[in-house]
Amino acid sequence: MHDNSSSFWGYLTGILTASLLLFIGYFAVFKKQRFIDFYISRDPSERFKRISEKSWYKLNLNICGSACLLVGTALLIYTISCVINK
């Protein structure tokens, strides 16, 4: 038997975790140039990195961001379906 309080906190945790994953994924995939500019231009001597290195950062951000978006979307759908079918 589940009481309503633990169910509420479970749903809230699921929605907050999914929102966090979607937020991270959105910025990694769609705002990646800011991440790259920040990471590369922290040190003025590193401002002109090789193009291949920037491409590697973009690829990593695309992969990680897409995974966050996928898992976040799945978790959000699962949590909402649990709330609806309660």
PDB file of N, CA and C in Angstrom:
ATOM      1  N   MET A   1       0.836  -1.182   0.000  1.00  0.00           N
ATOM      2  CA  MET A   1       0.000   0.000   0.000  1.00  0.00           C
ATOM      3  C   MET A   1       0.881   1.246   0.000  1.00  0.00           C
ATOM      4  N   HIS A   2       0.500   2.170  -0.833  1.00  0.00           N
ATOM      5  CA  HIS A   2       1.226   3.443  -0.924  1.00  0.00           C
ATOM      6  C   HIS A   2       0.360   4.532  -0.313  1.00  0.00           C
ATOM      7  N   ASP A   3       0.984   5.381   0.457  1.00  0.00           N
ATOM      8  CA  ASP A   3       0.222   6.536   0.926  1.00  0.00           C
ATOM      9  C   ASP A   3       0.405   7.669  -0.069  1.00  0.00           C
ATOM     10  N   ASN A   4      -0.477   8.646   0.002  1.00  0.00           N
ATOM     11  CA  ASN A   4      -0.480   9.732  -0.979  1.00  0.00           C
ATOM     12  C   ASN A   4       0.767  10.601  -0.890  1.00  0.00           C
ATOM     13  N   SER A   5       1.362  10.713   0.290  1.00  0.00           N
ATOM     14  CA  SER A   5       2.526  11.578   0.462  1.00  0.00           C
ATOM     15  C   SER A   5       3.731  11.043  -0.311  1.00  0.00           C
ATOM     16  N   SER A   6       3.983   9.739  -0.203  1.00  0.00           N
ATOM     17  CA  SER A   6       5.139   9.180  -0.917  1.00  0.00           C
ATOM     18  C   SER A   6       4.905   9.203  -2.425  1.00  0.00           C
ATOM     19  N   SER A   7       3.674   9.008  -2.859  1.00  0.00           N
ATOM     20  CA  SER A   7       3.370   9.093  -4.286  1.00  0.00           C
ATOM     21  C   SER A   7       3.615  10.505  -4.806  1.00  0.00           C
ATOM     22  N   PHE A   8       3.182  11.501  -4.037  1.00  0.00           N
ATOM     23  CA  PHE A   8       3.381  12.894  -4.441  1.00  0.00           C
ATOM     24  C   PHE A   8       4.858  13.214  -4.582  1.00  0.00           C
ATOM     25  N   TRP A   9       5.659  12.817  -3.591  1.00  0.00           N
ATOM     26  CA  TRP A   9       7.093  13.114  -3.645  1.00  0.00           C
ATOM     27  C   TRP A   9       7.770  12.341  -4.769  1.00  0.00           C
ATOM     28  N   GLY A  10       7.293  11.148  -5.064  1.00  0.00           N
ATOM     29  CA  GLY A  10       7.832  10.385  -6.190  1.00  0.00           C
ATOM     30  C   GLY A  10       7.553  11.073  -7.517  1.00  0.00           C
ATOM     31  N   TYR A  11       6.304  11.524  -7.690  1.00  0.00           N
ATOM     32  CA  TYR A  11       5.952  12.233  -8.922  1.00  0.00           C
ATOM     33  C   TYR A  11       6.721  13.549  -9.042  1.00  0.00           C
ATOM     34  N   LEU A  12       6.831  14.269  -7.925  1.00  0.00           N
ATOM     35  CA  LEU A  12       7.549  15.547  -7.943  1.00  0.00           C
ATOM     36  C   LEU A  12       9.025  15.333  -8.281  1.00  0.00           C
ATOM     37  N   THR A  13       9.631  14.317  -7.702  1.00  0.00           N
ATOM     38  CA  THR A  13      11.032  14.013  -7.993  1.00  0.00           C
ATOM     39  C   THR A  13      11.211  13.631  -9.459  1.00  0.00           C
ATOM     40  N   GLY A  14      10.293  12.839  -9.996  1.00  0.00           N
ATOM     41  CA  GLY A  14      10.365  12.463 -11.406  1.00  0.00           C
ATOM     42  C   GLY A  14      10.254  13.658 -12.329  1.00  0.00           C
ATOM     43  N   ILE A  15       9.331  14.549 -12.036  1.00  0.00           N
ATOM     44  CA  ILE A  15       9.139  15.721 -12.891  1.00  0.00           C
ATOM     45  C   ILE A  15      10.334  16.665 -12.787  1.00  0.00           C
ATOM     46  N   LEU A  16      10.856  16.877 -11.586  1.00  0.00           N
ATOM     47  CA  LEU A  16      12.012  17.762 -11.421  1.00  0.00           C
ATOM     48  C   LEU A  16      13.260  17.185 -12.081  1.00  0.00           C
ATOM     49  N   THR A  17      13.477  15.887 -11.948  1.00  0.00           N
ATOM     50  CA  THR A  17      14.626  15.252 -12.592  1.00  0.00           C
ATOM     51  C   THR A  17      14.507  15.337 -14.109  1.00  0.00           C
ATOM     52  N   ALA A  18      13.320  15.070 -14.627  1.00  0.00           N
ATOM     53  CA  ALA A  18      13.112  15.160 -16.080  1.00  0.00           C
ATOM     54  C   ALA A  18      13.323  16.593 -16.563  1.00  0.00           C
ATOM     55  N   SER A  19      12.837  17.567 -15.812  1.00  0.00           N
ATOM     56  CA  SER A  19      13.024  18.969 -16.194  1.00  0.00           C
ATOM     57  C   SER A  19      14.498  19.351 -16.209  1.00  0.00           C
ATOM     58  N   LEU A  20      15.244  18.889 -15.222  1.00  0.00           N
ATOM     59  CA  LEU A  20      16.675  19.171 -15.173  1.00  0.00           C
ATOM     60  C   LEU A  20      17.403  18.557 -16.370  1.00  0.00           C
ATOM     61  N   LEU A  21      17.064  17.315 -16.694  1.00  0.00           N
ATOM     62  CA  LEU A  21      17.686  16.660 -17.844  1.00  0.00           C
ATOM     63  C   LEU A  21      17.339  17.377 -19.148  1.00  0.00           C
ATOM     64  N   LEU A  22      16.093  17.803 -19.291  1.00  0.00           N
ATOM     65  CA  LEU A  22      15.690  18.536 -20.493  1.00  0.00           C
ATOM     66  C   LEU A  22      16.400  19.881 -20.581  1.00  0.00           C
ATOM     67  N   PHE A  23      16.562  20.547 -19.454  1.00  0.00           N
ATOM     68  CA  PHE A  23      17.260  21.832 -19.414  1.00  0.00           C
ATOM     69  C   PHE A  23      18.722  21.672 -19.831  1.00  0.00           C
ATOM     70  N   ILE A  24      19.402  20.688 -19.269  1.00  0.00           N
ATOM     71  CA  ILE A  24      20.804  20.432 -19.615  1.00  0.00           C
ATOM     72  C   ILE A  24      20.924  20.033 -21.086  1.00  0.00           C
ATOM     73  N   GLY A  25      20.040  19.164 -21.540  1.00  0.00           N
ATOM     74  CA  GLY A  25      20.078  18.726 -22.937  1.00  0.00           C
ATOM     75  C   GLY A  25      19.825  19.852 -23.910  1.00  0.00           C
ATOM     76  N   TYR A  26      18.879  20.724 -23.581  1.00  0.00           N
ATOM     77  CA  TYR A  26      18.576  21.863 -24.460  1.00  0.00           C
ATOM     78  C   TYR A  26      19.793  22.766 -24.623  1.00  0.00           C
ATOM     79  N   PHE A  27      20.434  23.110 -23.513  1.00  0.00           N
ATOM     80  CA  PHE A  27      21.583  23.998 -23.607  1.00  0.00           C
ATOM     81  C   PHE A  27      22.778  23.325 -24.267  1.00  0.00           C
ATOM     82  N   ALA A  28      22.941  22.024 -24.046  1.00  0.00           N
ATOM     83  CA  ALA A  28      24.078  21.329 -24.667  1.00  0.00           C
ATOM     84  C   ALA A  28      23.903  21.199 -26.172  1.00  0.00           C
ATOM     85  N   VAL A  29      22.673  20.972 -26.624  1.00  0.00           N
ATOM     86  CA  VAL A  29      22.450  20.768 -28.054  1.00  0.00           C
ATOM     87  C   VAL A  29      22.254  22.083 -28.792  1.00  0.00           C
ATOM     88  N   PHE A  30      21.427  22.967 -28.252  1.00  0.00           N
ATOM     89  CA  PHE A  30      21.050  24.165 -29.005  1.00  0.00           C
ATOM     90  C   PHE A  30      21.872  25.403 -28.662  1.00  0.00           C
ATOM     91  N   LYS A  31      22.532  25.413 -27.532  1.00  0.00           N
ATOM     92  CA  LYS A  31      23.342  26.572 -27.138  1.00  0.00           C
ATOM     93  C   LYS A  31      24.808  26.184 -26.975  1.00  0.00           C
ATOM     94  N   LYS A  32      25.259  25.181 -27.736  1.00  0.00           N
ATOM     95  CA  LYS A  32      26.594  24.638 -27.536  1.00  0.00           C
ATOM     96  C   LYS A  32      27.707  25.627 -27.847  1.00  0.00           C
ATOM     97  N   GLN A  33      27.465  26.597 -28.700  1.00  0.00           N
ATOM     98  CA  GLN A  33      28.525  27.541 -29.047  1.00  0.00           C
ATOM     99  C   GLN A  33      28.968  28.345 -27.830  1.00  0.00           C
ATOM    100  N   ARG A  34      28.032  28.651 -26.929  1.00  0.00           N
ATOM    101  CA  ARG A  34      28.400  29.366 -25.701  1.00  0.00           C
ATOM    102  C   ARG A  34      29.307  28.523 -24.825  1.00  0.00           C
ATOM    103  N   PHE A  35      28.986  27.232 -24.701  1.00  0.00           N
ATOM    104  CA  PHE A  35      29.835  26.336 -23.917  1.00  0.00           C
ATOM    105  C   PHE A  35      31.227  26.278 -24.508  1.00  0.00           C
ATOM    106  N   ILE A  36      31.290  26.138 -25.823  1.00  0.00           N
ATOM    107  CA  ILE A  36      32.581  26.002 -26.489  1.00  0.00           C
ATOM    108  C   ILE A  36      33.383  27.294 -26.363  1.00  0.00           C
ATOM    109  N   ASP A  37      32.732  28.429 -26.583  1.00  0.00           N
ATOM    110  CA  ASP A  37      33.431  29.701 -26.471  1.00  0.00           C
ATOM    111  C   ASP A  37      33.949  29.916 -25.054  1.00  0.00           C
ATOM    112  N   PHE A  38      33.140  29.553 -24.068  1.00  0.00           N
ATOM    113  CA  PHE A  38      33.574  29.709 -22.680  1.00  0.00           C
ATOM    114  C   PHE A  38      34.753  28.790 -22.381  1.00  0.00           C
ATOM    115  N   TYR A  39      34.639  27.546 -22.815  1.00  0.00           N
ATOM    116  CA  TYR A  39      35.681  26.569 -22.496  1.00  0.00           C
ATOM    117  C   TYR A  39      36.982  26.906 -23.213  1.00  0.00           C
ATOM    118  N   ILE A  40      36.895  27.271 -24.483  1.00  0.00           N
ATOM    119  CA  ILE A  40      38.103  27.517 -25.276  1.00  0.00           C
ATOM    120  C   ILE A  40      38.723  28.857 -24.909  1.00  0.00           C
ATOM    121  N   SER A  41      37.924  29.873 -24.640  1.00  0.00           N
ATOM    122  CA  SER A  41      38.484  31.217 -24.465  1.00  0.00           C
ATOM    123  C   SER A  41      38.713  31.588 -23.006  1.00  0.00           C
ATOM    124  N   ARG A  42      38.736  30.605 -22.109  1.00  0.00           N
ATOM    125  CA  ARG A  42      39.063  30.918 -20.719  1.00  0.00           C
ATOM    126  C   ARG A  42      40.470  31.492 -20.630  1.00  0.00           C
ATOM    127  N   ASP A  43      41.378  30.871 -21.341  1.00  0.00           N
ATOM    128  CA  ASP A  43      42.764  31.310 -21.348  1.00  0.00           C
ATOM    129  C   ASP A  43      43.027  31.988 -22.695  1.00  0.00           C
ATOM    130  N   PRO A  44      43.490  33.243 -22.692  1.00  0.00           N
ATOM    131  CA  PRO A  44      43.700  33.939 -23.971  1.00  0.00           C
ATOM    132  C   PRO A  44      44.670  33.221 -24.905  1.00  0.00           C
ATOM    133  N   SER A  45      45.601  32.457 -24.354  1.00  0.00           N
ATOM    134  CA  SER A  45      46.541  31.739 -25.224  1.00  0.00           C
ATOM    135  C   SER A  45      45.861  30.570 -25.936  1.00  0.00           C
ATOM    136  N   GLU A  46      44.714  30.127 -25.409  1.00  0.00           N
ATOM    137  CA  GLU A  46      44.007  29.004 -26.020  1.00  0.00           C
ATOM    138  C   GLU A  46      42.860  29.467 -26.911  1.00  0.00           C
ATOM    139  N   ARG A  47      42.795  30.746 -27.174  1.00  0.00           N
ATOM    140  CA  ARG A  47      41.658  31.284 -27.898  1.00  0.00           C
ATOM    141  C   ARG A  47      41.535  30.690 -29.298  1.00  0.00           C
ATOM    142  N   PHE A  48      42.657  30.426 -29.947  1.00  0.00           N
ATOM    143  CA  PHE A  48      42.622  29.931 -31.317  1.00  0.00           C
ATOM    144  C   PHE A  48      42.979  28.446 -31.336  1.00  0.00           C
ATOM    145  N   LYS A  49      42.065  27.666 -30.861  1.00  0.00           N
ATOM    146  CA  LYS A  49      42.259  26.216 -30.881  1.00  0.00           C
ATOM    147  C   LYS A  49      42.033  25.683 -32.288  1.00  0.00           C
ATOM    148  N   ARG A  50      42.502  24.465 -32.483  1.00  0.00           N
ATOM    149  CA  ARG A  50      42.302  23.843 -33.793  1.00  0.00           C
ATOM    150  C   ARG A  50      40.820  23.605 -34.039  1.00  0.00           C
ATOM    151  N   ILE A  51      40.452  23.657 -35.299  1.00  0.00           N
ATOM    152  CA  ILE A  51      39.041  23.438 -35.677  1.00  0.00           C
ATOM    153  C   ILE A  51      38.607  22.037 -35.280  1.00  0.00           C
ATOM    154  N   SER A  52      39.481  21.060 -35.413  1.00  0.00           N
ATOM    155  CA  SER A  52      39.101  19.676 -35.092  1.00  0.00           C
ATOM    156  C   SER A  52      38.788  19.540 -33.606  1.00  0.00           C
ATOM    157  N   GLU A  53      39.489  20.307 -32.769  1.00  0.00           N
ATOM    158  CA  GLU A  53      39.210  20.231 -31.340  1.00  0.00           C
ATOM    159  C   GLU A  53      37.837  20.815 -31.037  1.00  0.00           C
ATOM    160  N   LYS A  54      37.486  21.920 -31.690  1.00  0.00           N
ATOM    161  CA  LYS A  54      36.144  22.484 -31.506  1.00  0.00           C
ATOM    162  C   LYS A  54      35.084  21.509 -31.999  1.00  0.00           C
ATOM    163  N   SER A  55      35.358  20.832 -33.115  1.00  0.00           N
ATOM    164  CA  SER A  55      34.402  19.851 -33.631  1.00  0.00           C
ATOM    165  C   SER A  55      34.220  18.707 -32.644  1.00  0.00           C
ATOM    166  N   TRP A  56      35.287  18.307 -31.980  1.00  0.00           N
ATOM    167  CA  TRP A  56      35.205  17.236 -30.992  1.00  0.00           C
ATOM    168  C   TRP A  56      34.317  17.658 -29.823  1.00  0.00           C
ATOM    169  N   TYR A  57      34.468  18.914 -29.365  1.00  0.00           N
ATOM    170  CA  TYR A  57      33.606  19.418 -28.294  1.00  0.00           C
ATOM    171  C   TYR A  57      32.154  19.444 -28.747  1.00  0.00           C
ATOM    172  N   LYS A  58      31.920  19.878 -29.985  1.00  0.00           N
ATOM    173  CA  LYS A  58      30.543  19.923 -30.499  1.00  0.00           C
ATOM    174  C   LYS A  58      29.945  18.528 -30.552  1.00  0.00           C
ATOM    175  N   LEU A  59      30.730  17.554 -31.003  1.00  0.00           N
ATOM    176  CA  LEU A  59      30.234  16.176 -31.078  1.00  0.00           C
ATOM    177  C   LEU A  59      29.896  15.656 -29.686  1.00  0.00           C
ATOM    178  N   ASN A  60      30.785  15.889 -28.729  1.00  0.00           N
ATOM    179  CA  ASN A  60      30.518  15.428 -27.356  1.00  0.00           C
ATOM    180  C   ASN A  60      29.280  16.086 -26.778  1.00  0.00           C
ATOM    181  N   LEU A  61      29.134  17.400 -27.000  1.00  0.00           N
ATOM    182  CA  LEU A  61      27.946  18.091 -26.489  1.00  0.00           C
ATOM    183  C   LEU A  61      26.682  17.598 -27.179  1.00  0.00           C
ATOM    184  N   ASN A  62      26.762  17.301 -28.475  1.00  0.00           N
ATOM    185  CA  ASN A  62      25.590  16.766 -29.173  1.00  0.00           C
ATOM    186  C   ASN A  62      25.192  15.409 -28.623  1.00  0.00           C
ATOM    187  N   ILE A  63      26.163  14.547 -28.400  1.00  0.00           N
ATOM    188  CA  ILE A  63      25.860  13.199 -27.900  1.00  0.00           C
ATOM    189  C   ILE A  63      25.282  13.269 -26.486  1.00  0.00           C
ATOM    190  N   CYS A  64      25.964  13.996 -25.600  1.00  0.00           N
ATOM    191  CA  CYS A  64      25.486  14.093 -24.210  1.00  0.00           C
ATOM    192  C   CYS A  64      24.157  14.833 -24.123  1.00  0.00           C
ATOM    193  N   GLY A  65      24.025  15.903 -24.891  1.00  0.00           N
ATOM    194  CA  GLY A  65      22.774  16.663 -24.879  1.00  0.00           C
ATOM    195  C   GLY A  65      21.609  15.864 -25.415  1.00  0.00           C
ATOM    196  N   SER A  66      21.847  15.113 -26.480  1.00  0.00           N
ATOM    197  CA  SER A  66      20.779  14.281 -27.042  1.00  0.00           C
ATOM    198  C   SER A  66      20.370  13.185 -26.068  1.00  0.00           C
ATOM    199  N   ALA A  67      21.337  12.609 -25.379  1.00  0.00           N
ATOM    200  CA  ALA A  67      21.014  11.579 -24.377  1.00  0.00           C
ATOM    201  C   ALA A  67      20.195  12.180 -23.243  1.00  0.00           C
ATOM    202  N   CYS A  68      20.565  13.381 -22.801  1.00  0.00           N
ATOM    203  CA  CYS A  68      19.790  14.048 -21.733  1.00  0.00           C
ATOM    204  C   CYS A  68      18.373  14.346 -22.197  1.00  0.00           C
ATOM    205  N   LEU A  69      18.236  14.829 -23.431  1.00  0.00           N
ATOM    206  CA  LEU A  69      16.899  15.113 -23.958  1.00  0.00           C
ATOM    207  C   LEU A  69      16.061  13.842 -24.060  1.00  0.00           C
ATOM    208  N   LEU A  70      16.667  12.764 -24.519  1.00  0.00           N
ATOM    209  CA  LEU A  70      15.941  11.502 -24.679  1.00  0.00           C
ATOM    210  C   LEU A  70      15.499  10.942 -23.332  1.00  0.00           C
ATOM    211  N   VAL A  71      16.413  10.864 -22.390  1.00  0.00           N
ATOM    212  CA  VAL A  71      16.077  10.310 -21.073  1.00  0.00           C
ATOM    213  C   VAL A  71      15.105  11.230 -20.332  1.00  0.00           C
ATOM    214  N   GLY A  72      15.309  12.537 -20.441  1.00  0.00           N
ATOM    215  CA  GLY A  72      14.408  13.482 -19.785  1.00  0.00           C
ATOM    216  C   GLY A  72      12.994  13.403 -20.322  1.00  0.00           C
ATOM    217  N   THR A  73      12.868  13.291 -21.650  1.00  0.00           N
ATOM    218  CA  THR A  73      11.545  13.166 -22.266  1.00  0.00           C
ATOM    219  C   THR A  73      10.867  11.864 -21.849  1.00  0.00           C
ATOM    220  N   ALA A  74      11.625  10.771 -21.861  1.00  0.00           N
ATOM    221  CA  ALA A  74      11.053   9.481 -21.460  1.00  0.00           C
ATOM    222  C   ALA A  74      10.606   9.507 -20.003  1.00  0.00           C
ATOM    223  N   LEU A  75      11.433  10.092 -19.135  1.00  0.00           N
ATOM    224  CA  LEU A  75      11.076  10.159 -17.718  1.00  0.00           C
ATOM    225  C   LEU A  75       9.853  11.038 -17.495  1.00  0.00           C
ATOM    226  N   LEU A  76       9.774  12.144 -18.210  1.00  0.00           N
ATOM    227  CA  LEU A  76       8.622  13.030 -18.071  1.00  0.00           C
ATOM    228  C   LEU A  76       7.342  12.338 -18.548  1.00  0.00           C
ATOM    229  N   ILE A  77       7.401  11.668 -19.676  1.00  0.00           N
ATOM    230  CA  ILE A  77       6.227  10.940 -20.190  1.00  0.00           C
ATOM    231  C   ILE A  77       5.811   9.837 -19.217  1.00  0.00           C
ATOM    232  N   TYR A  78       6.800   9.100 -18.696  1.00  0.00           N
ATOM    233  CA  TYR A  78       6.489   8.025 -17.750  1.00  0.00           C
ATOM    234  C   TYR A  78       5.844   8.581 -16.478  1.00  0.00           C
ATOM    235  N   THR A  79       6.398   9.672 -15.952  1.00  0.00           N
ATOM    236  CA  THR A  79       5.854  10.261 -14.724  1.00  0.00           C
ATOM    237  C   THR A  79       4.444  10.780 -14.942  1.00  0.00           C
ATOM    238  N   ILE A  80       4.226  11.459 -16.062  1.00  0.00           N
ATOM    239  CA  ILE A  80       2.882  11.979 -16.357  1.00  0.00           C
ATOM    240  C   ILE A  80       1.890  10.837 -16.547  1.00  0.00           C
ATOM    241  N   SER A  81       2.317   9.757 -17.210  1.00  0.00           N
ATOM    242  CA  SER A  81       1.405   8.619 -17.381  1.00  0.00           C
ATOM    243  C   SER A  81       1.091   7.954 -16.046  1.00  0.00           C
ATOM    244  N   CYS A  82       2.053   7.936 -15.133  1.00  0.00           N
ATOM    245  CA  CYS A  82       1.780   7.393 -13.793  1.00  0.00           C
ATOM    246  C   CYS A  82       0.790   8.269 -13.037  1.00  0.00           C
ATOM    247  N   VAL A  83       0.911   9.586 -13.188  1.00  0.00           N
ATOM    248  CA  VAL A  83      -0.018  10.498 -12.522  1.00  0.00           C
ATOM    249  C   VAL A  83      -1.427  10.314 -13.094  1.00  0.00           C
ATOM    250  N   ILE A  84      -1.526  10.186 -14.414  1.00  0.00           N
ATOM    251  CA  ILE A  84      -2.835  10.039 -15.058  1.00  0.00           C
ATOM    252  C   ILE A  84      -3.484   8.704 -14.690  1.00  0.00           C
ATOM    253  N   ASN A  85      -2.690   7.641 -14.668  1.00  0.00           N
ATOM    254  CA  ASN A  85      -3.229   6.303 -14.400  1.00  0.00           C
ATOM    255  C   ASN A  85      -3.291   5.974 -12.910  1.00  0.00           C
ATOM    256  N   LYS A  86      -3.109   6.944 -12.064  1.00  0.00           N
ATOM    257  CA  LYS A  86      -3.087   6.729 -10.621  1.00  0.00           C
ATOM    258  C   LYS A  86      -4.362   6.159 -10.091  1.00  0.00           C
TER     259      LYS A  86
END
